[in-house]
Amino acid sequence: MNSTNSAKRRVVRMTAARKLEIFTEPLKEPGPHEIVLRITIAGICQSEMPTYEGEGSMVMKGPLGFSCIIDSVPYPASFGHEPTGIVEKTGSEVTRFKPGDRVSGAGGGAFASHIILSEFAPLIKLPESVSEFDCLAEPVMCCCNIVRAVMPPKEGYIAIVGCGYMGQVCLSLLKAHNVKNIVVFDPLLERRQRALSLGADYAFDSNDKNAVPEALKLTGGIGFDRAIELSKGLSGLLLSVSLMKMPEAGDRGIIAASSVYDKHEMWPTELALSSCAAALSFTLYIPALSRTRKDL
């Protein structure tokens, strides 16, 4: 494709661990179904931190055939997949967007002045009430998918393990659906207090050895119907497994293991044993990424 009247764009790339450099390069013409998006803001996903640290990189299809974090980093590496911006130009056959539209969604290499995206990419137009400097739709989209997968039965109990940004968005979405009996687990007091202010019914310190038995008492000892695991570690996944109820007629427990497991952690024996029972007891829904070694 030819450049747009010799127009240029600036783009941030990782050239080494913890080293970001700005490059200037030609801005290509959009294809028939592509748009040129001028970036106003872009988010950083937890899945990109291993690349920043020089420890690994996210691939959509790893050695085992699924999305994962691998050990190598292909420098120079692009950064950011959570863009928000303003459409500057559209391809000849684009129908979804027009120049001037403010959009947000998912698209690679978002740490740049401009990016080119397919009009069919997961993008939404922002309503007039939302500023293009305040909205990142991509993580909200992820949280919507998580919440859809784990809506608990009426009067059921749901746990959120890890209540950082994503956990708080999931909590807000659950409250928007009038879900009750939401129980949060997080080691940070500030996050637990924030969760309660957002509508969580209970909040426990996940480092407290009494957290699980005390939480199970809330359910009358039956266990939780659903769990959203966002702690980023296998200890959080083990906590989620420990909360699950035994299967009932017509309903199995569901854990949305939505973390990016980017650490080289040994799989705990108790978690391995629990995973063997998972096929009989509950459904493990894994919408996010895991980490794999190069030698797998």
C-alpha atoms as a PDB file:
ATOM      1  CA  MET A   1       0.000   0.000   0.000  1.00  0.00           C
ATOM      2  CA  ASN A   2       1.124   3.533  -0.661  1.00  0.00           C
ATOM      3  CA  SER A   3       1.619   6.061   2.094  1.00  0.00           C
ATOM      4  CA  THR A   4      -1.010   8.746   2.651  1.00  0.00           C
ATOM      5  CA  ASN A   5       0.512  11.760   0.878  1.00  0.00           C
ATOM      6  CA  SER A   6       3.859  10.968   2.515  1.00  0.00           C
ATOM      7  CA  ALA A   7       2.174  11.301   5.916  1.00  0.00           C
ATOM      8  CA  LYS A   8       4.090   9.950   8.853  1.00  0.00           C
ATOM      9  CA  ARG A   9       3.158   8.305  12.104  1.00  0.00           C
ATOM     10  CA  ARG A  10       5.029   7.845  15.372  1.00  0.00           C
ATOM     11  CA  VAL A  11       5.053   4.452  17.013  1.00  0.00           C
ATOM     12  CA  VAL A  12       6.442   3.126  20.308  1.00  0.00           C
ATOM     13  CA  ARG A  13       8.351  -0.152  20.196  1.00  0.00           C
ATOM     14  CA  MET A  14      10.181  -2.236  22.754  1.00  0.00           C
ATOM     15  CA  THR A  15      13.810  -2.574  21.681  1.00  0.00           C
ATOM     16  CA  ALA A  16      15.064  -4.264  24.855  1.00  0.00           C
ATOM     17  CA  ALA A  17      13.814  -5.088  28.333  1.00  0.00           C
ATOM     18  CA  ARG A  18      12.343  -1.941  29.932  1.00  0.00           C
ATOM     19  CA  LYS A  19      13.434   0.109  26.916  1.00  0.00           C
ATOM     20  CA  LEU A  20      10.859   1.953  24.817  1.00  0.00           C
ATOM     21  CA  GLU A  21      11.815   3.899  21.703  1.00  0.00           C
ATOM     22  CA  ILE A  22       9.769   6.153  19.426  1.00  0.00           C
ATOM     23  CA  PHE A  23      10.087   5.559  15.684  1.00  0.00           C
ATOM     24  CA  THR A  24       8.783   7.658  12.799  1.00  0.00           C
ATOM     25  CA  GLU A  25       7.566   5.806   9.735  1.00  0.00           C
ATOM     26  CA  PRO A  26       5.248   6.266   6.750  1.00  0.00           C
ATOM     27  CA  LEU A  27       1.515   6.114   7.432  1.00  0.00           C
ATOM     28  CA  LYS A  28       0.059   3.696   4.893  1.00  0.00           C
ATOM     29  CA  GLU A  29      -3.193   4.138   3.039  1.00  0.00           C
ATOM     30  CA  PRO A  30      -6.105   2.161   4.496  1.00  0.00           C
ATOM     31  CA  GLY A  31      -7.338  -0.819   2.523  1.00  0.00           C
ATOM     32  CA  PRO A  32     -10.940  -0.980   1.249  1.00  0.00           C
ATOM     33  CA  HIS A  33     -12.289  -2.170   4.615  1.00  0.00           C
ATOM     34  CA  GLU A  34      -9.757  -0.416   6.872  1.00  0.00           C
ATOM     35  CA  ILE A  35      -9.747   2.794   8.903  1.00  0.00           C
ATOM     36  CA  VAL A  36      -6.974   5.121  10.034  1.00  0.00           C
ATOM     37  CA  LEU A  37      -7.385   5.771  13.748  1.00  0.00           C
ATOM     38  CA  ARG A  38      -5.640   8.696  15.449  1.00  0.00           C
ATOM     39  CA  ILE A  39      -4.924   7.502  18.968  1.00  0.00           C
ATOM     40  CA  THR A  40      -6.016   9.649  21.904  1.00  0.00           C
ATOM     41  CA  ILE A  41      -5.298   7.131  24.694  1.00  0.00           C
ATOM     42  CA  ALA A  42      -4.184   3.510  24.911  1.00  0.00           C
ATOM     43  CA  GLY A  43      -4.125   1.118  27.847  1.00  0.00           C
ATOM     44  CA  ILE A  44      -1.519  -1.384  29.045  1.00  0.00           C
ATOM     45  CA  CYS A  45      -2.738  -4.927  29.647  1.00  0.00           C
ATOM     46  CA  GLN A  46      -1.192  -7.198  32.261  1.00  0.00           C
ATOM     47  CA  SER A  47      -0.436  -9.623  29.424  1.00  0.00           C
ATOM     48  CA  GLU A  48       2.063  -7.070  28.061  1.00  0.00           C
ATOM     49  CA  MET A  49       4.102  -6.691  31.235  1.00  0.00           C
ATOM     50  CA  PRO A  50       6.308  -9.758  30.558  1.00  0.00           C
ATOM     51  CA  THR A  51       7.288  -8.099  27.262  1.00  0.00           C
ATOM     52  CA  TYR A  52       8.152  -4.870  29.060  1.00  0.00           C
ATOM     53  CA  GLU A  53      10.213  -6.797  31.610  1.00  0.00           C
ATOM     54  CA  GLY A  54      11.930  -8.785  28.839  1.00  0.00           C
ATOM     55  CA  GLU A  55      10.653 -12.072  30.247  1.00  0.00           C
ATOM     56  CA  GLY A  56       8.280 -13.189  27.482  1.00  0.00           C
ATOM     57  CA  SER A  57       5.637 -12.164  25.006  1.00  0.00           C
ATOM     58  CA  MET A  58       2.003 -12.898  24.219  1.00  0.00           C
ATOM     59  CA  VAL A  59       1.202 -15.035  21.193  1.00  0.00           C
ATOM     60  CA  MET A  60      -2.270 -15.855  19.962  1.00  0.00           C
ATOM     61  CA  LYS A  61      -1.286 -19.431  19.089  1.00  0.00           C
ATOM     62  CA  GLY A  62       1.513 -20.971  21.125  1.00  0.00           C
ATOM     63  CA  PRO A  63       3.255 -24.373  20.969  1.00  0.00           C
ATOM     64  CA  LEU A  64       0.186 -26.110  22.389  1.00  0.00           C
ATOM     65  CA  GLY A  65      -2.227 -24.410  20.019  1.00  0.00           C
ATOM     66  CA  PHE A  66      -3.735 -21.777  22.323  1.00  0.00           C
ATOM     67  CA  SER A  67      -3.017 -18.215  23.466  1.00  0.00           C
ATOM     68  CA  CYS A  68      -0.152 -18.036  25.921  1.00  0.00           C
ATOM     69  CA  ILE A  69       2.930 -16.197  27.129  1.00  0.00           C
ATOM     70  CA  ILE A  70       6.170 -17.589  25.691  1.00  0.00           C
ATOM     71  CA  ASP A  71       9.671 -16.966  27.033  1.00  0.00           C
ATOM     72  CA  SER A  72      11.121 -15.141  24.025  1.00  0.00           C
ATOM     73  CA  VAL A  73      10.557 -11.505  23.008  1.00  0.00           C
ATOM     74  CA  PRO A  74      10.812 -10.705  19.267  1.00  0.00           C
ATOM     75  CA  TYR A  75      12.480  -7.275  19.411  1.00  0.00           C
ATOM     76  CA  PRO A  76      11.516  -4.730  18.271  1.00  0.00           C
ATOM     77  CA  ALA A  77       8.080  -5.497  19.727  1.00  0.00           C
ATOM     78  CA  SER A  78       4.933  -3.428  19.351  1.00  0.00           C
ATOM     79  CA  PHE A  79       3.037  -2.414  22.449  1.00  0.00           C
ATOM     80  CA  GLY A  80      -0.586  -1.879  23.418  1.00  0.00           C
ATOM     81  CA  HIS A  81      -3.841  -3.436  22.188  1.00  0.00           C
ATOM     82  CA  GLU A  82      -6.371  -1.188  23.948  1.00  0.00           C
ATOM     83  CA  PRO A  83      -6.816   1.834  21.649  1.00  0.00           C
ATOM     84  CA  THR A  84      -9.226   4.733  21.791  1.00  0.00           C
ATOM     85  CA  GLY A  85      -9.162   7.425  19.143  1.00  0.00           C
ATOM     86  CA  ILE A  86     -10.729   9.362  16.301  1.00  0.00           C
ATOM     87  CA  VAL A  87     -11.231   8.018  12.798  1.00  0.00           C
ATOM     88  CA  GLU A  88      -9.217  10.176  10.383  1.00  0.00           C
ATOM     89  CA  LYS A  89      -9.684   8.278   7.138  1.00  0.00           C
ATOM     90  CA  THR A  90     -11.652   5.302   5.866  1.00  0.00           C
ATOM     91  CA  GLY A  91     -11.170   2.833   3.045  1.00  0.00           C
ATOM     92  CA  SER A  92     -13.311   2.952  -0.064  1.00  0.00           C
ATOM     93  CA  GLU A  93     -15.760   0.263   1.126  1.00  0.00           C
ATOM     94  CA  VAL A  94     -16.017   1.062   4.839  1.00  0.00           C
ATOM     95  CA  THR A  95     -19.615   1.361   6.064  1.00  0.00           C
ATOM     96  CA  ARG A  96     -19.338   1.085   9.870  1.00  0.00           C
ATOM     97  CA  PHE A  97     -17.376   4.278  10.481  1.00  0.00           C
ATOM     98  CA  LYS A  98     -16.768   7.717   9.002  1.00  0.00           C
ATOM     99  CA  PRO A  99     -14.076  10.341   9.587  1.00  0.00           C
ATOM    100  CA  GLY A 100     -14.602  12.080  12.917  1.00  0.00           C
ATOM    101  CA  ASP A 101     -16.118   9.063  14.673  1.00  0.00           C
ATOM    102  CA  ARG A 102     -14.714   8.525  18.154  1.00  0.00           C
ATOM    103  CA  VAL A 103     -14.142   4.817  18.728  1.00  0.00           C
ATOM    104  CA  SER A 104     -12.638   2.440  21.280  1.00  0.00           C
ATOM    105  CA  GLY A 105     -11.908  -1.269  21.286  1.00  0.00           C
ATOM    106  CA  ALA A 106      -9.139  -3.739  20.479  1.00  0.00           C
ATOM    107  CA  GLY A 107      -6.262  -3.350  18.045  1.00  0.00           C
ATOM    108  CA  GLY A 108      -2.558  -4.161  18.080  1.00  0.00           C
ATOM    109  CA  GLY A 109       0.299  -1.670  18.214  1.00  0.00           C
ATOM    110  CA  ALA A 110      -1.863   0.942  19.908  1.00  0.00           C
ATOM    111  CA  PHE A 111       1.074   2.849  21.414  1.00  0.00           C
ATOM    112  CA  ALA A 112       1.341   5.021  18.317  1.00  0.00           C
ATOM    113  CA  SER A 113       0.048   8.287  16.936  1.00  0.00           C
ATOM    114  CA  HIS A 114      -2.021   6.378  14.338  1.00  0.00           C
ATOM    115  CA  ILE A 115      -2.916   2.762  13.616  1.00  0.00           C
ATOM    116  CA  ILE A 116      -4.743   1.061  10.760  1.00  0.00           C
ATOM    117  CA  LEU A 117      -7.545  -1.312  11.722  1.00  0.00           C
ATOM    118  CA  SER A 118     -10.144  -3.390   9.961  1.00  0.00           C
ATOM    119  CA  GLU A 119     -13.608  -1.884  10.186  1.00  0.00           C
ATOM    120  CA  PHE A 120     -14.673  -5.341  11.398  1.00  0.00           C
ATOM    121  CA  ALA A 121     -12.322  -5.215  14.403  1.00  0.00           C
ATOM    122  CA  PRO A 122     -14.027  -5.213  17.831  1.00  0.00           C
ATOM    123  CA  LEU A 123     -14.613  -1.463  17.965  1.00  0.00           C
ATOM    124  CA  ILE A 124     -17.512   0.620  19.207  1.00  0.00           C
ATOM    125  CA  LYS A 125     -18.519   4.225  18.625  1.00  0.00           C
ATOM    126  CA  LEU A 126     -18.412   6.284  21.787  1.00  0.00           C
ATOM    127  CA  PRO A 127     -21.611   8.043  22.847  1.00  0.00           C
ATOM    128  CA  GLU A 128     -21.512  11.822  23.140  1.00  0.00           C
ATOM    129  CA  SER A 129     -21.478  11.544  26.920  1.00  0.00           C
ATOM    130  CA  VAL A 130     -18.139   9.651  26.925  1.00  0.00           C
ATOM    131  CA  SER A 131     -14.835  11.401  26.220  1.00  0.00           C
ATOM    132  CA  GLU A 132     -12.270   9.805  23.932  1.00  0.00           C
ATOM    133  CA  PHE A 133      -9.729  10.618  26.635  1.00  0.00           C
ATOM    134  CA  ASP A 134     -11.546   8.709  29.399  1.00  0.00           C
ATOM    135  CA  CYS A 135     -12.674   5.389  27.889  1.00  0.00           C
ATOM    136  CA  LEU A 136     -10.945   2.067  27.226  1.00  0.00           C
ATOM    137  CA  ALA A 137     -13.526  -0.338  25.844  1.00  0.00           C
ATOM    138  CA  GLU A 138     -11.278  -3.391  25.389  1.00  0.00           C
ATOM    139  CA  PRO A 139     -10.892  -4.385  29.066  1.00  0.00           C
ATOM    140  CA  VAL A 140     -14.604  -3.733  29.630  1.00  0.00           C
ATOM    141  CA  MET A 141     -15.330  -6.051  26.693  1.00  0.00           C
ATOM    142  CA  CYS A 142     -13.227  -8.755  28.373  1.00  0.00           C
ATOM    143  CA  CYS A 143     -15.093  -8.283  31.639  1.00  0.00           C
ATOM    144  CA  CYS A 144     -18.451  -8.497  29.857  1.00  0.00           C
ATOM    145  CA  ASN A 145     -17.421 -11.869  28.407  1.00  0.00           C
ATOM    146  CA  ILE A 146     -16.326 -13.086  31.842  1.00  0.00           C
ATOM    147  CA  VAL A 147     -19.518 -11.994  33.567  1.00  0.00           C
ATOM    148  CA  ARG A 148     -21.718 -13.542  30.861  1.00  0.00           C
ATOM    149  CA  ALA A 149     -19.968 -16.867  31.451  1.00  0.00           C
ATOM    150  CA  VAL A 150     -20.448 -16.921  35.219  1.00  0.00           C
ATOM    151  CA  MET A 151     -23.818 -15.386  36.005  1.00  0.00           C
ATOM    152  CA  PRO A 152     -24.832 -17.230  39.185  1.00  0.00           C
ATOM    153  CA  PRO A 153     -28.226 -18.823  39.814  1.00  0.00           C
ATOM    154  CA  LYS A 154     -30.734 -16.801  41.803  1.00  0.00           C
ATOM    155  CA  GLU A 155     -29.590 -16.408  45.427  1.00  0.00           C
ATOM    156  CA  GLY A 156     -26.310 -18.113  44.492  1.00  0.00           C
ATOM    157  CA  TYR A 157     -22.876 -16.998  45.692  1.00  0.00           C
ATOM    158  CA  ILE A 158     -20.106 -15.655  43.474  1.00  0.00           C
ATOM    159  CA  ALA A 159     -16.492 -14.930  44.424  1.00  0.00           C
ATOM    160  CA  ILE A 160     -14.144 -12.431  42.816  1.00  0.00           C
ATOM    161  CA  VAL A 161     -10.570 -13.464  43.603  1.00  0.00           C
ATOM    162  CA  GLY A 162      -8.349 -10.461  42.936  1.00  0.00           C
ATOM    163  CA  CYS A 163     -10.056  -7.070  42.851  1.00  0.00           C
ATOM    164  CA  GLY A 164      -7.778  -4.776  40.889  1.00  0.00           C
ATOM    165  CA  TYR A 165      -9.009  -2.903  37.837  1.00  0.00           C
ATOM    166  CA  MET A 166     -10.538  -5.920  36.075  1.00  0.00           C
ATOM    167  CA  GLY A 167     -12.029  -7.274  39.282  1.00  0.00           C
ATOM    168  CA  GLN A 168     -13.684  -3.944  40.010  1.00  0.00           C
ATOM    169  CA  VAL A 169     -15.139  -3.759  36.497  1.00  0.00           C
ATOM    170  CA  CYS A 170     -16.523  -7.299  36.851  1.00  0.00           C
ATOM    171  CA  LEU A 171     -17.982  -6.339  40.226  1.00  0.00           C
ATOM    172  CA  SER A 172     -19.657  -3.256  38.731  1.00  0.00           C
ATOM    173  CA  LEU A 173     -21.114  -5.338  35.898  1.00  0.00           C
ATOM    174  CA  LEU A 174     -22.474  -7.924  38.337  1.00  0.00           C
ATOM    175  CA  LYS A 175     -24.117  -5.152  40.361  1.00  0.00           C
ATOM    176  CA  ALA A 176     -25.609  -3.726  37.149  1.00  0.00           C
ATOM    177  CA  HIS A 177     -27.283  -7.137  36.692  1.00  0.00           C
ATOM    178  CA  ASN A 178     -28.598  -6.994  40.294  1.00  0.00           C
ATOM    179  CA  VAL A 179     -26.457  -9.958  41.353  1.00  0.00           C
ATOM    180  CA  LYS A 180     -26.370 -10.502  45.105  1.00  0.00           C
ATOM    181  CA  ASN A 181     -24.013 -12.417  47.397  1.00  0.00           C
ATOM    182  CA  ILE A 182     -20.823 -11.104  45.815  1.00  0.00           C
ATOM    183  CA  VAL A 183     -17.760 -11.962  47.897  1.00  0.00           C
ATOM    184  CA  VAL A 184     -14.360 -10.416  47.141  1.00  0.00           C
ATOM    185  CA  PHE A 185     -10.915 -11.758  48.054  1.00  0.00           C
ATOM    186  CA  ASP A 186      -7.859  -9.509  47.851  1.00  0.00           C
ATOM    187  CA  PRO A 187      -4.720  -9.052  49.996  1.00  0.00           C
ATOM    188  CA  LEU A 188      -4.859  -5.238  49.831  1.00  0.00           C
ATOM    189  CA  LEU A 189      -7.079  -3.410  52.310  1.00  0.00           C
ATOM    190  CA  GLU A 190      -7.589  -0.481  49.939  1.00  0.00           C
ATOM    191  CA  ARG A 191      -8.982  -2.779  47.257  1.00  0.00           C
ATOM    192  CA  ARG A 192     -11.260  -4.554  49.707  1.00  0.00           C
ATOM    193  CA  GLN A 193     -12.637  -1.225  50.876  1.00  0.00           C
ATOM    194  CA  ARG A 194     -13.111  -0.117  47.295  1.00  0.00           C
ATOM    195  CA  ALA A 195     -14.951  -3.361  46.502  1.00  0.00           C
ATOM    196  CA  LEU A 196     -17.347  -2.791  49.387  1.00  0.00           C
ATOM    197  CA  SER A 197     -17.998   0.754  48.196  1.00  0.00           C
ATOM    198  CA  LEU A 198     -18.830  -0.641  44.730  1.00  0.00           C
ATOM    199  CA  GLY A 199     -21.397  -3.008  46.189  1.00  0.00           C
ATOM    200  CA  ALA A 200     -19.605  -6.199  47.229  1.00  0.00           C
ATOM    201  CA  ASP A 201     -21.443  -7.889  50.083  1.00  0.00           C
ATOM    202  CA  TYR A 202     -18.317  -9.216  51.799  1.00  0.00           C
ATOM    203  CA  ALA A 203     -14.559  -8.773  51.411  1.00  0.00           C
ATOM    204  CA  PHE A 204     -11.848 -11.077  52.755  1.00  0.00           C
ATOM    205  CA  ASP A 205      -8.069 -10.844  52.947  1.00  0.00           C
ATOM    206  CA  SER A 206      -6.942 -13.602  50.561  1.00  0.00           C
ATOM    207  CA  ASN A 207      -3.755 -14.074  52.639  1.00  0.00           C
ATOM    208  CA  ASP A 208      -5.782 -14.860  55.748  1.00  0.00           C
ATOM    209  CA  LYS A 209      -5.832 -18.628  56.324  1.00  0.00           C
ATOM    210  CA  ASN A 210      -9.337 -18.292  57.763  1.00  0.00           C
ATOM    211  CA  ALA A 211     -10.717 -16.515  54.668  1.00  0.00           C
ATOM    212  CA  VAL A 212     -11.973 -19.643  52.887  1.00  0.00           C
ATOM    213  CA  PRO A 213     -13.652 -21.324  55.888  1.00  0.00           C
ATOM    214  CA  GLU A 214     -15.263 -18.042  56.926  1.00  0.00           C
ATOM    215  CA  ALA A 215     -16.513 -17.438  53.398  1.00  0.00           C
ATOM    216  CA  LEU A 216     -17.895 -20.961  53.156  1.00  0.00           C
ATOM    217  CA  LYS A 217     -19.910 -20.289  56.327  1.00  0.00           C
ATOM    218  CA  LEU A 218     -21.779 -17.593  54.376  1.00  0.00           C
ATOM    219  CA  THR A 219     -23.084 -20.301  52.052  1.00  0.00           C
ATOM    220  CA  GLY A 220     -24.131 -22.571  54.923  1.00  0.00           C
ATOM    221  CA  GLY A 221     -21.171 -24.781  54.095  1.00  0.00           C
ATOM    222  CA  ILE A 222     -22.502 -25.582  50.628  1.00  0.00           C
ATOM    223  CA  GLY A 223     -19.854 -23.665  48.698  1.00  0.00           C
ATOM    224  CA  PHE A 224     -19.834 -21.055  45.951  1.00  0.00           C
ATOM    225  CA  ASP A 225     -21.729 -21.355  42.685  1.00  0.00           C
ATOM    226  CA  ARG A 226     -19.349 -19.209  40.647  1.00  0.00           C
ATOM    227  CA  ALA A 227     -15.902 -17.640  40.899  1.00  0.00           C
ATOM    228  CA  ILE A 228     -13.958 -15.116  38.830  1.00  0.00           C
ATOM    229  CA  GLU A 229     -10.206 -15.608  39.238  1.00  0.00           C
ATOM    230  CA  LEU A 230      -8.205 -12.442  38.544  1.00  0.00           C
ATOM    231  CA  SER A 231      -5.334 -12.707  41.019  1.00  0.00           C
ATOM    232  CA  LYS A 232      -2.654 -13.470  38.392  1.00  0.00           C
ATOM    233  CA  GLY A 233      -1.285 -16.427  40.387  1.00  0.00           C
ATOM    234  CA  LEU A 234      -1.919 -20.112  40.932  1.00  0.00           C
ATOM    235  CA  SER A 235      -2.595 -19.399  44.611  1.00  0.00           C
ATOM    236  CA  GLY A 236      -5.662 -17.446  43.520  1.00  0.00           C
ATOM    237  CA  LEU A 237      -6.786 -20.311  41.315  1.00  0.00           C
ATOM    238  CA  LEU A 238      -6.364 -22.719  44.241  1.00  0.00           C
ATOM    239  CA  LEU A 239      -8.429 -20.388  46.453  1.00  0.00           C
ATOM    240  CA  SER A 240     -11.178 -20.350  43.815  1.00  0.00           C
ATOM    241  CA  VAL A 241     -11.188 -24.143  43.595  1.00  0.00           C
ATOM    242  CA  SER A 242     -11.385 -24.369  47.394  1.00  0.00           C
ATOM    243  CA  LEU A 243     -14.590 -22.314  47.390  1.00  0.00           C
ATOM    244  CA  MET A 244     -16.523 -24.391  44.843  1.00  0.00           C
ATOM    245  CA  LYS A 245     -19.687 -26.278  45.706  1.00  0.00           C
ATOM    246  CA  MET A 246     -20.381 -29.891  44.815  1.00  0.00           C
ATOM    247  CA  PRO A 247     -22.449 -30.312  41.636  1.00  0.00           C
ATOM    248  CA  GLU A 248     -26.215 -30.152  41.863  1.00  0.00           C
ATOM    249  CA  ALA A 249     -28.926 -31.430  39.556  1.00  0.00           C
ATOM    250  CA  GLY A 250     -29.067 -28.985  36.683  1.00  0.00           C
ATOM    251  CA  ASP A 251     -26.135 -26.826  37.807  1.00  0.00           C
ATOM    252  CA  ARG A 252     -22.383 -27.168  38.161  1.00  0.00           C
ATOM    253  CA  GLY A 253     -20.106 -24.584  39.658  1.00  0.00           C
ATOM    254  CA  ILE A 254     -18.124 -22.433  37.217  1.00  0.00           C
ATOM    255  CA  ILE A 255     -14.709 -20.820  37.680  1.00  0.00           C
ATOM    256  CA  ALA A 256     -13.710 -18.189  35.113  1.00  0.00           C
ATOM    257  CA  ALA A 257      -9.911 -18.470  35.275  1.00  0.00           C
ATOM    258  CA  SER A 258      -9.371 -15.094  33.663  1.00  0.00           C
ATOM    259  CA  SER A 259      -5.874 -14.244  34.873  1.00  0.00           C
ATOM    260  CA  VAL A 260      -2.753 -14.012  32.763  1.00  0.00           C
ATOM    261  CA  TYR A 261      -0.513 -16.576  34.454  1.00  0.00           C
ATOM    262  CA  ASP A 262       2.842 -15.113  33.440  1.00  0.00           C
ATOM    263  CA  LYS A 263       4.965 -16.488  36.271  1.00  0.00           C
ATOM    264  CA  HIS A 264       6.985 -19.689  36.211  1.00  0.00           C
ATOM    265  CA  GLU A 265       5.124 -21.305  39.105  1.00  0.00           C
ATOM    266  CA  MET A 266       5.130 -24.927  40.173  1.00  0.00           C
ATOM    267  CA  TRP A 267       1.634 -26.414  39.947  1.00  0.00           C
ATOM    268  CA  PRO A 268       0.674 -27.088  43.600  1.00  0.00           C
ATOM    269  CA  THR A 269      -0.125 -30.708  44.438  1.00  0.00           C
ATOM    270  CA  GLU A 270      -3.417 -29.743  46.042  1.00  0.00           C
ATOM    271  CA  LEU A 271      -4.381 -27.816  42.914  1.00  0.00           C
ATOM    272  CA  ALA A 272      -3.503 -30.785  40.722  1.00  0.00           C
ATOM    273  CA  LEU A 273      -5.696 -33.031  42.855  1.00  0.00           C
ATOM    274  CA  SER A 274      -8.503 -30.469  42.750  1.00  0.00           C
ATOM    275  CA  SER A 275      -8.164 -30.236  38.970  1.00  0.00           C
ATOM    276  CA  CYS A 276      -8.630 -33.994  38.679  1.00  0.00           C
ATOM    277  CA  ALA A 277     -11.896 -33.620  40.576  1.00  0.00           C
ATOM    278  CA  ALA A 278     -12.908 -30.622  38.471  1.00  0.00           C
ATOM    279  CA  ALA A 279     -14.250 -32.765  35.655  1.00  0.00           C
ATOM    280  CA  LEU A 280     -16.781 -34.209  38.090  1.00  0.00           C
ATOM    281  CA  SER A 281     -17.433 -31.156  40.268  1.00  0.00           C
ATOM    282  CA  PHE A 282     -17.362 -27.897  38.301  1.00  0.00           C
ATOM    283  CA  THR A 283     -16.562 -26.245  34.988  1.00  0.00           C
ATOM    284  CA  LEU A 284     -13.250 -24.398  34.569  1.00  0.00           C
ATOM    285  CA  TYR A 285     -13.723 -21.645  31.997  1.00  0.00           C
ATOM    286  CA  ILE A 286     -10.414 -20.184  30.781  1.00  0.00           C
ATOM    287  CA  PRO A 287     -10.984 -17.107  28.591  1.00  0.00           C
ATOM    288  CA  ALA A 288      -7.537 -15.567  29.057  1.00  0.00           C
ATOM    289  CA  LEU A 289      -3.912 -16.582  28.746  1.00  0.00           C
ATOM    290  CA  SER A 290      -1.530 -19.017  30.355  1.00  0.00           C
ATOM    291  CA  ARG A 291       2.232 -19.250  30.239  1.00  0.00           C
ATOM    292  CA  THR A 292       4.062 -22.039  28.484  1.00  0.00           C
ATOM    293  CA  ARG A 293       7.720 -22.993  28.324  1.00  0.00           C
ATOM    294  CA  LYS A 294       9.489 -23.086  24.975  1.00  0.00           C
ATOM    295  CA  ASP A 295      10.319 -26.762  25.459  1.00  0.00           C
ATOM    296  CA  LEU A 296       6.670 -27.877  25.781  1.00  0.00           C
END
